[in-house]
Amino acid sequence: MQKLLRVEMTEQLAIGSLALTALATDWRKLHFPEASDAQFADGYAQAGRFGILMDRAREIDRSVTAAQVSNRLADSSAARTP
């Protein structure tokens, strides 16, 4: 899956996908300013795979939306903040 995602992202960047290009720009600003398109695609694919592994490890229900997961994480983070 990671390889497929990496290949697809590299192809989309090559054809100038606006959404993916914007995402790559943000990724570079926040994390890796020197990353090539290939390095971005690889890093992003790795992050996606890590997310899936964490879902499994934490037994997260994958039928919930990303917004619901985000809200739950924010709630649990707020509960730990003094």
C-alpha atoms as a PDB file:
ATOM      1  CA  MET A   1       0.000   0.000   0.000  1.00  0.00           C
ATOM      2  CA  GLN A   2       2.781   2.424   0.894  1.00  0.00           C
ATOM      3  CA  LYS A   3       4.487   1.872  -2.451  1.00  0.00           C
ATOM      4  CA  LEU A   4       1.221   2.359  -4.343  1.00  0.00           C
ATOM      5  CA  LEU A   5       0.508   5.610  -2.504  1.00  0.00           C
ATOM      6  CA  ARG A   6       4.052   6.868  -3.107  1.00  0.00           C
ATOM      7  CA  VAL A   7       3.833   6.103  -6.845  1.00  0.00           C
ATOM      8  CA  GLU A   8       0.402   7.716  -7.174  1.00  0.00           C
ATOM      9  CA  MET A   9       1.505  10.851  -5.328  1.00  0.00           C
ATOM     10  CA  THR A  10       4.645  11.151  -7.460  1.00  0.00           C
ATOM     11  CA  GLU A  11       2.541  10.874 -10.626  1.00  0.00           C
ATOM     12  CA  GLN A  12       0.040  13.462  -9.394  1.00  0.00           C
ATOM     13  CA  LEU A  13       2.813  15.889  -8.491  1.00  0.00           C
ATOM     14  CA  ALA A  14       4.323  15.414 -11.951  1.00  0.00           C
ATOM     15  CA  ILE A  15       1.053  16.402 -13.638  1.00  0.00           C
ATOM     16  CA  GLY A  16       0.592  19.381 -11.310  1.00  0.00           C
ATOM     17  CA  SER A  17      -2.322  18.332  -9.092  1.00  0.00           C
ATOM     18  CA  LEU A  18      -3.237  21.561  -7.291  1.00  0.00           C
ATOM     19  CA  ALA A  19      -4.317  19.926  -4.035  1.00  0.00           C
ATOM     20  CA  LEU A  20      -1.251  17.722  -3.803  1.00  0.00           C
ATOM     21  CA  THR A  21       1.100  20.505  -4.807  1.00  0.00           C
ATOM     22  CA  ALA A  22      -0.369  22.696  -2.045  1.00  0.00           C
ATOM     23  CA  LEU A  23       0.003  19.845   0.437  1.00  0.00           C
ATOM     24  CA  ALA A  24       3.636  19.326  -0.598  1.00  0.00           C
ATOM     25  CA  THR A  25       4.305  23.048  -0.169  1.00  0.00           C
ATOM     26  CA  ASP A  26       2.843  23.001   3.352  1.00  0.00           C
ATOM     27  CA  TRP A  27       4.754  19.807   4.211  1.00  0.00           C
ATOM     28  CA  ARG A  28       7.996  21.439   3.148  1.00  0.00           C
ATOM     29  CA  LYS A  29       7.295  24.625   5.122  1.00  0.00           C
ATOM     30  CA  LEU A  30       6.542  22.667   8.279  1.00  0.00           C
ATOM     31  CA  HIS A  31       8.885  19.689   8.091  1.00  0.00           C
ATOM     32  CA  PHE A  32      11.421  19.270   5.312  1.00  0.00           C
ATOM     33  CA  PRO A  33      12.210  22.394   3.278  1.00  0.00           C
ATOM     34  CA  GLU A  34      14.737  20.627   1.055  1.00  0.00           C
ATOM     35  CA  ALA A  35      12.526  17.627   0.193  1.00  0.00           C
ATOM     36  CA  SER A  36      12.156  16.760  -3.486  1.00  0.00           C
ATOM     37  CA  ASP A  37       8.792  15.618  -4.833  1.00  0.00           C
ATOM     38  CA  ALA A  38       9.978  12.000  -4.535  1.00  0.00           C
ATOM     39  CA  GLN A  39      11.078  12.525  -0.920  1.00  0.00           C
ATOM     40  CA  PHE A  40       7.782  14.236  -0.081  1.00  0.00           C
ATOM     41  CA  ALA A  41       5.782  11.395  -1.646  1.00  0.00           C
ATOM     42  CA  ASP A  42       7.815   8.810   0.256  1.00  0.00           C
ATOM     43  CA  GLY A  43       7.562  10.638   3.587  1.00  0.00           C
ATOM     44  CA  TYR A  44       3.851  11.238   3.225  1.00  0.00           C
ATOM     45  CA  ALA A  45       3.243   7.592   2.309  1.00  0.00           C
ATOM     46  CA  GLN A  46       5.225   6.517   5.376  1.00  0.00           C
ATOM     47  CA  ALA A  47       3.144   8.832   7.565  1.00  0.00           C
ATOM     48  CA  GLY A  48      -0.048   7.318   6.150  1.00  0.00           C
ATOM     49  CA  ARG A  49       1.163   3.801   6.825  1.00  0.00           C
ATOM     50  CA  PHE A  50       2.153   4.755  10.365  1.00  0.00           C
ATOM     51  CA  GLY A  51      -1.336   6.162  10.903  1.00  0.00           C
ATOM     52  CA  ILE A  52      -2.895   2.876   9.823  1.00  0.00           C
ATOM     53  CA  LEU A  53      -0.608   0.925  12.152  1.00  0.00           C
ATOM     54  CA  MET A  54      -1.600   3.222  15.030  1.00  0.00           C
ATOM     55  CA  ASP A  55      -5.275   2.667  14.184  1.00  0.00           C
ATOM     56  CA  ARG A  56      -4.754  -1.051  14.544  1.00  0.00           C
ATOM     57  CA  ALA A  57      -2.635  -0.779  17.682  1.00  0.00           C
ATOM     58  CA  ARG A  58      -5.197   1.441  19.391  1.00  0.00           C
ATOM     59  CA  GLU A  59      -8.162  -0.436  17.930  1.00  0.00           C
ATOM     60  CA  ILE A  60      -9.580   2.751  16.421  1.00  0.00           C
ATOM     61  CA  ASP A  61     -12.870   2.282  14.625  1.00  0.00           C
ATOM     62  CA  ARG A  62     -12.081   3.086  10.994  1.00  0.00           C
ATOM     63  CA  SER A  63     -15.733   3.772  10.199  1.00  0.00           C
ATOM     64  CA  VAL A  64     -15.604   7.123  12.014  1.00  0.00           C
ATOM     65  CA  THR A  65     -14.725  10.282  10.135  1.00  0.00           C
ATOM     66  CA  ALA A  66     -11.403  12.087  10.364  1.00  0.00           C
ATOM     67  CA  ALA A  67     -13.185  14.970  12.095  1.00  0.00           C
ATOM     68  CA  GLN A  68     -14.486  12.620  14.796  1.00  0.00           C
ATOM     69  CA  VAL A  69     -11.025  11.156  15.359  1.00  0.00           C
ATOM     70  CA  SER A  70      -9.568  14.669  15.507  1.00  0.00           C
ATOM     71  CA  ASN A  71     -12.146  15.736  18.089  1.00  0.00           C
ATOM     72  CA  ARG A  72     -11.442  12.659  20.222  1.00  0.00           C
ATOM     73  CA  LEU A  73      -7.705  13.285  20.106  1.00  0.00           C
ATOM     74  CA  ALA A  74      -8.220  16.938  21.012  1.00  0.00           C
ATOM     75  CA  ASP A  75     -10.461  15.952  23.919  1.00  0.00           C
ATOM     76  CA  SER A  76      -7.937  13.424  25.242  1.00  0.00           C
ATOM     77  CA  SER A  77      -5.111  15.947  24.842  1.00  0.00           C
ATOM     78  CA  ALA A  78      -7.067  18.631  26.702  1.00  0.00           C
ATOM     79  CA  ALA A  79      -7.764  16.204  29.524  1.00  0.00           C
ATOM     80  CA  ARG A  80      -4.015  15.660  30.016  1.00  0.00           C
ATOM     81  CA  THR A  81      -3.129  19.378  29.955  1.00  0.00           C
ATOM     82  CA  PRO A  82      -2.775  20.834  33.467  1.00  0.00           C
END
